Amino acid sequence: MEGAKPVNKKLAAALSGGAVLVVALSGCSEEKDNKELDAWAKQVCETVPAQQAKIVAAYDALAKVAKNGAPEDLQKTDSQAFQDLSDGFKGRATALKSAGAPPGVEGSAKKQQDAVQKLTVLSDSYADLKKQVDALDTKDQGKFATGLDDVSKQMKDVSQQYKGAVAALRSLEQGDVKEAVAKQAGCKKAAESASATDS
């Protein structure tokens, strides 16, 4: 079983590069009275803490299982983690799609659509990784290690998709949008959680 452990460590390392998709919050912002934009931000931020908790827990599970475990345990944990990551990012995409473009912000519709698209692709990629892990042969140590290595290699592409999703969100969450989001309890909670995780 030693053969699978280093591979899964590589997998966890590839995943841990960006465990959280959270809006970039400015510390203090001017209070502007924009009720429509505030209402949009509230809708977007309401589900962020739950989605983030699922994403962070999935990365933690992957990191922990890398340290030890039989192939069956690795498969089970990786499969559930990929499912949770897929669900978490899909939730972010769904919330953003439902909210629509930030009202009164020039060029926001295109940025919103880009963020939704990139989050959706990321969610789909994790769903594909789950399918790959589920198909691994846990009875054959050699085949299992090789299959896990293939999953690890694919994670490099998924890491790039993750970076693209982060960039799209940051592009959307600028100026007045960033200030509106910074006032919302859900996104504040998510940002505080991210800071604690990073420290």
C-alpha atoms as a PDB file:
ATOM      1  CA  MET A   1       0.000   0.000   0.000  1.00  0.00           C
ATOM      2  CA  GLU A   2       3.017   2.231   0.174  1.00  0.00           C
ATOM      3  CA  GLY A   3       2.772   2.878  -3.563  1.00  0.00           C
ATOM      4  CA  ALA A   4      -0.481   4.793  -3.300  1.00  0.00           C
ATOM      5  CA  LYS A   5       0.543   7.122  -0.512  1.00  0.00           C
ATOM      6  CA  PRO A   6       3.051   9.383  -2.332  1.00  0.00           C
ATOM      7  CA  VAL A   7       0.664   9.660  -5.263  1.00  0.00           C
ATOM      8  CA  ASN A   8      -2.154  10.784  -3.028  1.00  0.00           C
ATOM      9  CA  LYS A   9       0.173  13.268  -1.329  1.00  0.00           C
ATOM     10  CA  LYS A  10       0.861  14.787  -4.760  1.00  0.00           C
ATOM     11  CA  LEU A  11      -2.865  14.902  -5.364  1.00  0.00           C
ATOM     12  CA  ALA A  12      -3.492  16.686  -2.087  1.00  0.00           C
ATOM     13  CA  ALA A  13      -0.686  19.149  -2.809  1.00  0.00           C
ATOM     14  CA  ALA A  14      -2.190  19.957  -6.191  1.00  0.00           C
ATOM     15  CA  LEU A  15      -5.563  20.551  -4.583  1.00  0.00           C
ATOM     16  CA  SER A  16      -4.399  22.622  -1.651  1.00  0.00           C
ATOM     17  CA  GLY A  17      -3.081  25.420  -3.844  1.00  0.00           C
ATOM     18  CA  GLY A  18      -6.409  27.186  -3.662  1.00  0.00           C
ATOM     19  CA  ALA A  19      -8.811  25.804  -1.134  1.00  0.00           C
ATOM     20  CA  VAL A  20     -11.233  28.673  -0.985  1.00  0.00           C
ATOM     21  CA  LEU A  21     -13.060  30.788  -3.526  1.00  0.00           C
ATOM     22  CA  VAL A  22     -13.977  33.869  -1.566  1.00  0.00           C
ATOM     23  CA  VAL A  23     -14.574  37.417  -2.635  1.00  0.00           C
ATOM     24  CA  ALA A  24     -11.607  39.690  -2.033  1.00  0.00           C
ATOM     25  CA  LEU A  25     -12.791  42.055   0.652  1.00  0.00           C
ATOM     26  CA  SER A  26     -11.422  45.492   1.343  1.00  0.00           C
ATOM     27  CA  GLY A  27     -10.959  46.275   5.026  1.00  0.00           C
ATOM     28  CA  CYS A  28     -13.008  49.433   5.353  1.00  0.00           C
ATOM     29  CA  SER A  29     -15.154  50.856   2.612  1.00  0.00           C
ATOM     30  CA  GLU A  30     -17.181  53.981   2.223  1.00  0.00           C
ATOM     31  CA  GLU A  31     -20.852  53.483   2.921  1.00  0.00           C
ATOM     32  CA  LYS A  32     -22.723  54.165  -0.292  1.00  0.00           C
ATOM     33  CA  ASP A  33     -26.482  54.046  -0.484  1.00  0.00           C
ATOM     34  CA  ASN A  34     -27.198  51.725  -3.387  1.00  0.00           C
ATOM     35  CA  LYS A  35     -30.121  49.572  -2.332  1.00  0.00           C
ATOM     36  CA  GLU A  36     -30.353  47.605  -5.582  1.00  0.00           C
ATOM     37  CA  LEU A  37     -26.683  46.684  -5.533  1.00  0.00           C
ATOM     38  CA  ASP A  38     -26.827  45.884  -1.815  1.00  0.00           C
ATOM     39  CA  ALA A  39     -29.783  43.571  -2.431  1.00  0.00           C
ATOM     40  CA  TRP A  40     -27.820  41.837  -5.198  1.00  0.00           C
ATOM     41  CA  ALA A  41     -24.798  41.400  -2.913  1.00  0.00           C
ATOM     42  CA  LYS A  42     -26.983  39.998  -0.137  1.00  0.00           C
ATOM     43  CA  GLN A  43     -28.435  37.380  -2.487  1.00  0.00           C
ATOM     44  CA  VAL A  44     -24.969  36.352  -3.691  1.00  0.00           C
ATOM     45  CA  CYS A  45     -23.446  36.224  -0.206  1.00  0.00           C
ATOM     46  CA  GLU A  46     -26.229  34.372   1.609  1.00  0.00           C
ATOM     47  CA  THR A  47     -25.080  30.902   0.576  1.00  0.00           C
ATOM     48  CA  VAL A  48     -21.321  31.565   0.478  1.00  0.00           C
ATOM     49  CA  PRO A  49     -20.514  30.329   4.029  1.00  0.00           C
ATOM     50  CA  ALA A  50     -22.189  26.946   3.471  1.00  0.00           C
ATOM     51  CA  GLN A  51     -20.555  26.500   0.063  1.00  0.00           C
ATOM     52  CA  GLN A  52     -17.162  27.482   1.399  1.00  0.00           C
ATOM     53  CA  ALA A  53     -17.454  25.155   4.388  1.00  0.00           C
ATOM     54  CA  LYS A  54     -18.116  22.248   2.019  1.00  0.00           C
ATOM     55  CA  ILE A  55     -15.147  23.185  -0.179  1.00  0.00           C
ATOM     56  CA  VAL A  56     -12.725  23.627   2.729  1.00  0.00           C
ATOM     57  CA  ALA A  57     -13.828  20.368   4.377  1.00  0.00           C
ATOM     58  CA  ALA A  58     -13.249  18.522   1.103  1.00  0.00           C
ATOM     59  CA  TYR A  59      -9.700  19.841   0.755  1.00  0.00           C
ATOM     60  CA  ASP A  60      -8.996  18.990   4.402  1.00  0.00           C
ATOM     61  CA  ALA A  61     -10.259  15.441   3.874  1.00  0.00           C
ATOM     62  CA  LEU A  62      -7.989  14.982   0.859  1.00  0.00           C
ATOM     63  CA  ALA A  63      -4.978  16.275   2.764  1.00  0.00           C
ATOM     64  CA  LYS A  64      -5.632  13.972   5.716  1.00  0.00           C
ATOM     65  CA  VAL A  65      -6.236  10.799   3.741  1.00  0.00           C
ATOM     66  CA  ALA A  66      -2.938  11.355   1.918  1.00  0.00           C
ATOM     67  CA  LYS A  67      -1.075  10.480   5.095  1.00  0.00           C
ATOM     68  CA  ASN A  68      -2.317   6.916   5.394  1.00  0.00           C
ATOM     69  CA  GLY A  69      -5.035   4.568   4.311  1.00  0.00           C
ATOM     70  CA  ALA A  70      -5.842   1.519   2.239  1.00  0.00           C
ATOM     71  CA  PRO A  71      -6.803   1.941  -1.445  1.00  0.00           C
ATOM     72  CA  GLU A  72     -10.480   1.468  -0.572  1.00  0.00           C
ATOM     73  CA  ASP A  73     -10.272   4.284   1.991  1.00  0.00           C
ATOM     74  CA  LEU A  74      -8.409   6.562  -0.402  1.00  0.00           C
ATOM     75  CA  GLN A  75     -10.978   5.928  -3.110  1.00  0.00           C
ATOM     76  CA  LYS A  76     -13.923   6.553  -0.797  1.00  0.00           C
ATOM     77  CA  THR A  77     -12.507   9.772   0.651  1.00  0.00           C
ATOM     78  CA  ASP A  78     -11.303  11.161  -2.688  1.00  0.00           C
ATOM     79  CA  SER A  79     -14.625  10.351  -4.323  1.00  0.00           C
ATOM     80  CA  GLN A  80     -16.628  12.136  -1.621  1.00  0.00           C
ATOM     81  CA  ALA A  81     -14.242  15.091  -1.608  1.00  0.00           C
ATOM     82  CA  PHE A  82     -14.493  15.545  -5.376  1.00  0.00           C
ATOM     83  CA  GLN A  83     -18.275  15.321  -5.127  1.00  0.00           C
ATOM     84  CA  ASP A  84     -18.314  18.002  -2.417  1.00  0.00           C
ATOM     85  CA  LEU A  85     -15.993  20.246  -4.419  1.00  0.00           C
ATOM     86  CA  SER A  86     -18.207  19.841  -7.468  1.00  0.00           C
ATOM     87  CA  ASP A  87     -21.304  20.668  -5.404  1.00  0.00           C
ATOM     88  CA  GLY A  88     -19.630  23.622  -3.693  1.00  0.00           C
ATOM     89  CA  PHE A  89     -18.495  25.314  -6.891  1.00  0.00           C
ATOM     90  CA  LYS A  90     -21.786  24.520  -8.594  1.00  0.00           C
ATOM     91  CA  GLY A  91     -23.522  26.255  -5.689  1.00  0.00           C
ATOM     92  CA  ARG A  92     -21.404  29.343  -6.212  1.00  0.00           C
ATOM     93  CA  ALA A  93     -22.224  29.341  -9.927  1.00  0.00           C
ATOM     94  CA  THR A  94     -25.950  28.823  -9.308  1.00  0.00           C
ATOM     95  CA  ALA A  95     -26.147  31.638  -6.751  1.00  0.00           C
ATOM     96  CA  LEU A  96     -24.330  34.026  -9.065  1.00  0.00           C
ATOM     97  CA  LYS A  97     -26.461  33.014 -12.049  1.00  0.00           C
ATOM     98  CA  SER A  98     -29.691  33.447 -10.064  1.00  0.00           C
ATOM     99  CA  ALA A  99     -28.641  36.890  -8.828  1.00  0.00           C
ATOM    100  CA  GLY A 100     -27.890  38.090 -12.345  1.00  0.00           C
ATOM    101  CA  ALA A 101     -25.524  40.934 -13.159  1.00  0.00           C
ATOM    102  CA  PRO A 102     -24.822  43.560 -10.481  1.00  0.00           C
ATOM    103  CA  PRO A 103     -27.328  46.362 -11.162  1.00  0.00           C
ATOM    104  CA  GLY A 104     -26.055  49.728 -12.336  1.00  0.00           C
ATOM    105  CA  VAL A 105     -22.483  48.556 -12.935  1.00  0.00           C
ATOM    106  CA  GLU A 106     -21.094  49.031 -16.431  1.00  0.00           C
ATOM    107  CA  GLY A 107     -19.876  45.847 -18.114  1.00  0.00           C
ATOM    108  CA  SER A 108     -21.047  43.702 -15.224  1.00  0.00           C
ATOM    109  CA  ALA A 109     -23.262  41.375 -17.278  1.00  0.00           C
ATOM    110  CA  LYS A 110     -20.333  40.002 -19.271  1.00  0.00           C
ATOM    111  CA  LYS A 111     -18.197  39.630 -16.127  1.00  0.00           C
ATOM    112  CA  GLN A 112     -21.019  37.869 -14.287  1.00  0.00           C
ATOM    113  CA  GLN A 113     -21.563  35.437 -17.167  1.00  0.00           C
ATOM    114  CA  ASP A 114     -17.818  34.753 -17.359  1.00  0.00           C
ATOM    115  CA  ALA A 115     -17.641  33.972 -13.625  1.00  0.00           C
ATOM    116  CA  VAL A 116     -20.675  31.665 -13.821  1.00  0.00           C
ATOM    117  CA  GLN A 117     -19.199  29.859 -16.822  1.00  0.00           C
ATOM    118  CA  LYS A 118     -15.796  29.330 -15.196  1.00  0.00           C
ATOM    119  CA  LEU A 119     -17.306  28.142 -11.895  1.00  0.00           C
ATOM    120  CA  THR A 120     -19.529  25.712 -13.810  1.00  0.00           C
ATOM    121  CA  VAL A 121     -16.558  24.303 -15.744  1.00  0.00           C
ATOM    122  CA  LEU A 122     -14.672  23.881 -12.460  1.00  0.00           C
ATOM    123  CA  SER A 123     -17.626  22.049 -10.921  1.00  0.00           C
ATOM    124  CA  ASP A 124     -17.874  19.753 -13.947  1.00  0.00           C
ATOM    125  CA  SER A 125     -14.145  18.999 -13.781  1.00  0.00           C
ATOM    126  CA  TYR A 126     -14.416  17.848 -10.179  1.00  0.00           C
ATOM    127  CA  ALA A 127     -17.396  15.692 -11.140  1.00  0.00           C
ATOM    128  CA  ASP A 128     -15.238  14.088 -13.841  1.00  0.00           C
ATOM    129  CA  LEU A 129     -12.456  13.465 -11.316  1.00  0.00           C
ATOM    130  CA  LYS A 130     -14.976  11.731  -9.058  1.00  0.00           C
ATOM    131  CA  LYS A 131     -15.923   9.410 -11.917  1.00  0.00           C
ATOM    132  CA  GLN A 132     -12.252   8.602 -12.530  1.00  0.00           C
ATOM    133  CA  VAL A 133     -11.626   7.838  -8.869  1.00  0.00           C
ATOM    134  CA  ASP A 134     -14.766   5.704  -8.633  1.00  0.00           C
ATOM    135  CA  ALA A 135     -13.512   3.618 -11.573  1.00  0.00           C
ATOM    136  CA  LEU A 136     -10.112   2.840 -10.003  1.00  0.00           C
ATOM    137  CA  ASP A 137      -9.298  -0.806  -9.320  1.00  0.00           C
ATOM    138  CA  THR A 138      -8.647  -1.036  -5.579  1.00  0.00           C
ATOM    139  CA  LYS A 139      -7.931  -4.773  -5.788  1.00  0.00           C
ATOM    140  CA  ASP A 140      -4.833  -4.259  -7.946  1.00  0.00           C
ATOM    141  CA  GLN A 141      -2.275  -2.065  -6.157  1.00  0.00           C
ATOM    142  CA  GLY A 142      -0.306  -1.323  -9.321  1.00  0.00           C
ATOM    143  CA  LYS A 143      -3.323  -0.307 -11.374  1.00  0.00           C
ATOM    144  CA  PHE A 144      -4.682   1.731  -8.479  1.00  0.00           C
ATOM    145  CA  ALA A 145      -1.432   3.688  -8.077  1.00  0.00           C
ATOM    146  CA  THR A 146      -1.247   4.316 -11.821  1.00  0.00           C
ATOM    147  CA  GLY A 147      -4.847   5.455 -11.952  1.00  0.00           C
ATOM    148  CA  LEU A 148      -4.357   7.750  -8.979  1.00  0.00           C
ATOM    149  CA  ASP A 149      -1.295   9.213 -10.683  1.00  0.00           C
ATOM    150  CA  ASP A 150      -3.419   9.967 -13.755  1.00  0.00           C
ATOM    151  CA  VAL A 151      -5.932  11.769 -11.542  1.00  0.00           C
ATOM    152  CA  SER A 152      -3.099  13.769  -9.983  1.00  0.00           C
ATOM    153  CA  LYS A 153      -1.855  14.838 -13.417  1.00  0.00           C
ATOM    154  CA  GLN A 154      -5.327  15.970 -14.443  1.00  0.00           C
ATOM    155  CA  MET A 155      -5.458  18.073 -11.289  1.00  0.00           C
ATOM    156  CA  LYS A 156      -2.908  20.419 -12.875  1.00  0.00           C
ATOM    157  CA  ASP A 157      -5.489  21.361 -15.494  1.00  0.00           C
ATOM    158  CA  VAL A 158      -8.154  21.731 -12.818  1.00  0.00           C
ATOM    159  CA  SER A 159      -5.818  24.011 -10.847  1.00  0.00           C
ATOM    160  CA  GLN A 160      -5.623  26.299 -13.864  1.00  0.00           C
ATOM    161  CA  GLN A 161      -9.418  26.294 -14.109  1.00  0.00           C
ATOM    162  CA  TYR A 162      -9.551  27.223 -10.437  1.00  0.00           C
ATOM    163  CA  LYS A 163      -7.227  30.185 -11.030  1.00  0.00           C
ATOM    164  CA  GLY A 164      -9.409  31.270 -13.948  1.00  0.00           C
ATOM    165  CA  ALA A 165     -12.525  31.168 -11.776  1.00  0.00           C
ATOM    166  CA  VAL A 166     -10.820  33.226  -9.063  1.00  0.00           C
ATOM    167  CA  ALA A 167      -9.710  35.803 -11.639  1.00  0.00           C
ATOM    168  CA  ALA A 168     -13.243  36.015 -13.059  1.00  0.00           C
ATOM    169  CA  LEU A 169     -14.726  36.579  -9.598  1.00  0.00           C
ATOM    170  CA  ARG A 170     -12.165  39.257  -8.774  1.00  0.00           C
ATOM    171  CA  SER A 171     -12.907  40.994 -12.064  1.00  0.00           C
ATOM    172  CA  LEU A 172     -16.611  41.009 -11.223  1.00  0.00           C
ATOM    173  CA  GLU A 173     -16.108  42.099  -7.626  1.00  0.00           C
ATOM    174  CA  GLN A 174     -14.502  45.488  -8.093  1.00  0.00           C
ATOM    175  CA  GLY A 175     -15.406  49.051  -7.169  1.00  0.00           C
ATOM    176  CA  ASP A 176     -18.993  49.503  -6.028  1.00  0.00           C
ATOM    177  CA  VAL A 177     -19.638  45.748  -6.251  1.00  0.00           C
ATOM    178  CA  LYS A 178     -16.752  45.025  -3.887  1.00  0.00           C
ATOM    179  CA  GLU A 179     -18.036  47.603  -1.410  1.00  0.00           C
ATOM    180  CA  ALA A 180     -21.556  46.184  -1.534  1.00  0.00           C
ATOM    181  CA  VAL A 181     -20.273  42.648  -0.990  1.00  0.00           C
ATOM    182  CA  ALA A 182     -18.023  43.762   1.891  1.00  0.00           C
ATOM    183  CA  LYS A 183     -21.074  44.858   3.871  1.00  0.00           C
ATOM    184  CA  GLN A 184     -22.775  41.460   3.700  1.00  0.00           C
ATOM    185  CA  ALA A 185     -22.580  39.179   6.722  1.00  0.00           C
ATOM    186  CA  GLY A 186     -22.248  36.003   4.638  1.00  0.00           C
ATOM    187  CA  CYS A 187     -19.207  37.208   2.714  1.00  0.00           C
ATOM    188  CA  LYS A 188     -17.646  38.733   5.836  1.00  0.00           C
ATOM    189  CA  LYS A 189     -17.969  35.372   7.573  1.00  0.00           C
ATOM    190  CA  ALA A 190     -16.435  33.589   4.575  1.00  0.00           C
ATOM    191  CA  ALA A 191     -13.520  36.031   4.440  1.00  0.00           C
ATOM    192  CA  GLU A 192     -12.816  35.602   8.160  1.00  0.00           C
ATOM    193  CA  SER A 193     -12.899  31.833   7.733  1.00  0.00           C
ATOM    194  CA  ALA A 194     -10.488  32.063   4.792  1.00  0.00           C
ATOM    195  CA  SER A 195      -8.076  34.190   6.815  1.00  0.00           C
ATOM    196  CA  ALA A 196      -8.136  31.662   9.650  1.00  0.00           C
ATOM    197  CA  THR A 197      -7.516  28.827   7.191  1.00  0.00           C
ATOM    198  CA  ASP A 198      -4.594  30.604   5.535  1.00  0.00           C
ATOM    199  CA  SER A 199      -2.866  31.519   8.791  1.00  0.00           C
END
